[in-house]
Protein backbone atom coordinates (compact mmCIF):
# COMPACT_ATOMS: atom_id res chain seq x y z
CA MET A 1 188.26 141.67 266.30
CA LYS A 2 187.85 143.67 263.09
CA GLU A 3 188.13 147.45 263.14
CA LEU A 4 185.11 149.74 262.81
CA THR A 5 184.98 151.05 259.25
CA HIS A 6 183.00 154.27 259.76
CA PHE A 7 185.81 156.00 261.66
CA THR A 8 189.18 157.27 260.44
CA SER A 9 192.38 156.50 262.35
CA ASP A 10 191.98 159.81 264.22
CA GLY A 11 188.38 159.03 265.20
CA ALA A 12 186.54 161.18 262.65
CA THR A 13 183.30 159.84 261.22
CA HIS A 14 183.23 159.18 257.47
CA MET A 15 181.28 157.26 254.85
CA VAL A 16 183.28 154.24 253.72
CA ASP A 17 184.77 154.69 250.23
CA VAL A 18 183.49 151.78 248.15
CA SER A 19 184.56 153.15 244.76
CA SER A 20 187.36 150.60 244.31
CA LYS A 21 185.20 147.60 245.27
CA PRO A 22 183.95 145.39 242.45
CA VAL A 23 180.25 145.31 241.61
CA THR A 24 178.83 141.97 242.78
CA GLU A 25 175.46 140.38 243.44
CA ARG A 26 174.53 141.16 247.06
CA LEU A 27 171.74 139.64 249.13
CA ALA A 28 170.64 140.11 252.72
CA ARG A 29 167.87 138.48 254.74
CA ALA A 30 166.69 139.71 258.13
CA GLU A 31 163.91 138.90 260.56
CA SER A 32 161.93 140.48 263.34
CA THR A 33 159.22 138.98 265.51
CA VAL A 34 156.16 140.71 266.94
CA LEU A 35 154.70 139.02 270.01
CA MET A 36 151.04 139.68 270.82
CA GLN A 37 147.89 138.28 272.36
CA ALA A 38 146.37 135.34 270.48
CA GLU A 39 143.19 137.33 269.88
CA THR A 40 145.20 140.13 268.23
CA LEU A 41 146.83 137.70 265.82
CA ARG A 42 143.48 136.09 265.06
CA ILE A 43 142.03 139.50 264.15
CA ILE A 44 145.06 140.29 261.95
CA GLN A 45 144.83 136.96 260.12
CA GLN A 46 141.07 137.37 259.57
CA GLY A 47 141.49 140.93 258.25
CA GLY A 48 139.34 142.32 261.05
CA MET A 49 141.20 145.57 261.80
CA GLU A 50 139.28 148.73 260.92
CA LYS A 51 142.48 150.35 259.61
CA GLY A 52 142.78 147.71 256.86
CA ASP A 53 144.87 144.65 256.04
CA VAL A 54 147.61 144.90 258.67
CA LEU A 55 150.05 142.54 256.97
CA GLU A 56 149.79 144.14 253.54
CA VAL A 57 150.22 147.63 254.99
CA ALA A 58 153.24 146.37 256.98
CA ARG A 59 154.67 144.71 253.86
CA LEU A 60 154.35 147.93 251.87
CA ALA A 61 155.83 150.03 254.71
CA GLY A 62 158.81 147.69 254.99
CA ILE A 63 159.48 147.70 251.25
CA MET A 64 159.19 151.49 251.14
CA ALA A 65 161.59 151.77 254.09
CA THR A 66 164.28 149.76 252.27
CA LYS A 67 164.40 152.49 249.64
CA ARG A 68 164.92 155.19 252.32
CA THR A 69 167.51 153.47 254.50
CA ASP A 70 170.23 155.94 253.55
CA GLU A 71 168.00 158.78 254.82
CA LEU A 72 167.42 157.04 258.17
CA ILE A 73 170.90 155.72 258.96
CA PRO A 74 173.52 158.46 258.53
CA LEU A 75 176.44 156.56 256.96
CA CYS A 76 174.54 154.16 254.68
CA HIS A 77 175.17 154.48 250.98
CA SER A 78 172.33 155.32 248.58
CA LEU A 79 171.54 152.17 246.63
CA GLY A 80 169.41 151.41 243.61
CA LEU A 81 167.90 148.20 244.94
CA ASP A 82 167.06 145.38 242.55
CA SER A 83 164.43 143.77 244.76
CA ALA A 84 162.90 143.85 248.22
CA ALA A 85 160.41 141.31 249.54
CA ILE A 86 158.75 140.71 252.89
CA ASP A 87 157.13 137.49 254.03
CA PHE A 88 155.13 136.71 257.16
CA HIS A 89 155.19 133.47 259.14
CA PHE A 90 153.20 132.44 262.21
CA PRO A 91 155.38 130.25 264.44
CA SER A 92 152.78 130.32 267.21
CA ASP A 93 149.31 131.68 267.91
CA THR A 94 150.90 134.73 269.55
CA SER A 95 153.64 135.76 267.11
CA VAL A 96 154.29 137.08 263.64
CA ARG A 97 157.74 136.45 262.19
CA ILE A 98 158.68 138.99 259.52
CA VAL A 99 161.41 138.04 257.02
CA SER A 100 162.86 140.41 254.45
CA THR A 101 165.02 139.60 251.43
CA VAL A 102 166.82 142.45 249.70
CA LYS A 103 169.02 142.22 246.60
CA VAL A 104 171.27 144.60 244.72
CA ARG A 105 174.05 144.42 242.19
CA GLY A 106 176.50 146.87 243.71
CA ARG A 107 179.67 147.70 245.64
CA THR A 108 178.23 147.51 249.15
CA GLY A 109 175.89 145.16 250.98
CA VAL A 110 172.20 145.50 251.80
CA GLU A 111 172.18 144.28 255.41
CA MET A 112 170.93 147.62 256.74
CA GLU A 113 168.17 147.71 254.12
CA ALA A 114 166.99 144.23 255.13
CA LEU A 115 167.07 145.14 258.83
CA THR A 116 165.25 148.42 258.16
CA ALA A 117 162.55 146.56 256.23
CA VAL A 118 161.68 144.20 259.08
CA SER A 119 161.97 146.94 261.70
CA ILE A 120 159.53 149.24 259.93
CA ALA A 121 157.17 146.35 259.11
CA ALA A 122 157.15 145.39 262.82
CA LEU A 123 156.54 149.00 263.89
CA THR A 124 153.68 149.21 261.40
CA ILE A 125 152.04 146.10 262.85
CA TYR A 126 152.39 147.64 266.31
CA ASP A 127 150.94 150.96 265.15
CA MET A 128 147.95 149.38 263.46
CA CYS A 129 147.13 147.09 266.40
CA LYS A 130 148.05 149.16 269.47
CA ALA A 131 144.43 150.13 270.07
CA ILE A 132 143.58 146.51 270.90
CA ASP A 133 146.91 145.24 272.30
CA ARG A 134 149.30 147.63 274.04
CA GLU A 135 151.41 144.73 275.33
CA MET A 136 152.78 143.76 271.92
CA THR A 137 156.53 143.30 271.91
CA ILE A 138 158.94 143.66 269.00
CA ALA A 139 161.72 141.11 269.51
CA SER A 140 164.61 139.30 267.84
CA THR A 141 165.41 141.74 265.05
CA GLN A 142 168.49 140.25 263.44
CA LEU A 143 170.41 139.54 260.27
CA LEU A 144 169.78 136.00 259.00
CA GLU A 145 172.03 135.92 255.96
CA LYS A 146 174.22 138.04 253.73
CA SER A 147 176.12 137.16 250.60
CA GLY A 148 178.28 138.94 248.07
CA GLY A 149 181.30 141.10 248.55
CA ARG A 150 184.71 140.69 250.11
CA SER A 151 183.56 139.40 253.51
CA GLY A 152 181.91 136.37 251.95
CA HIS A 153 178.77 134.53 252.95
CA PHE A 154 177.23 134.73 256.42
CA LYS A 155 174.28 132.61 257.50
CA ARG A 156 172.89 132.58 261.04
CA ASN A 157 172.55 129.13 262.54
CA GLU A 158 168.90 127.97 262.50
CA ASN A 159 168.90 127.16 266.24
CA GLU A 160 170.28 130.49 267.39
CA GLY A 161 168.50 132.98 269.53
CA GLN A 162 169.34 136.65 269.84
CA HIS A 163 172.99 137.76 269.85
CA GLY A 164 174.18 134.44 268.45
CA HIS A 165 173.31 132.52 271.60
CA SER A 166 172.09 129.02 271.14
CA SER A 167 168.45 128.44 271.97
CA GLY A 168 169.06 124.75 272.48
CA GLY A 169 170.86 121.91 270.81
CA SER A 170 174.41 122.25 269.58
CA ALA A 171 174.22 125.47 267.60
CA GLY A 172 177.52 127.28 267.32
CA PRO A 173 178.40 130.84 266.43
CA PRO A 174 177.25 132.43 263.16
CA THR A 175 179.22 131.15 260.20
CA GLU A 176 181.16 133.22 257.72
CA THR A 177 182.73 131.66 254.69
CA GLY A 178 184.79 133.35 252.08
């Protein structure tokens, strides 16, 4: 197992020094799923919430959150992001799948920014819809892919569930190539 990078050999917390790393193109994709009643999703898709367009507000909240990740997570580096995008998919009549894609040309990756984007977008959906559906559940927040940098390319297997466990078929562990 690899060592944790945010601790010194004597156990002190520190921000990882990335000054000697080369600048490379970095990309990260993450997802989160919000489970809800079918009627809630129907109202969201029809734009029927009094507070406004739930998905566009969630998209904006997620993009804004990517730019503040270093303020939310103590040891994240401040990054000048090149792009952040959020897309919504509807795998069933009771779920919204949120997918973020974040890019930067830099010395450190953008995994935390991508995960922050989908987390805040999911929380925004919950906030805007809680008056009509208190049983919503935020589930399966996970990294889908990262590229760039020394550790190489990681892409989660399509058939995987949470924590790298197969949800059926012959899916194996996440893959990392260098």
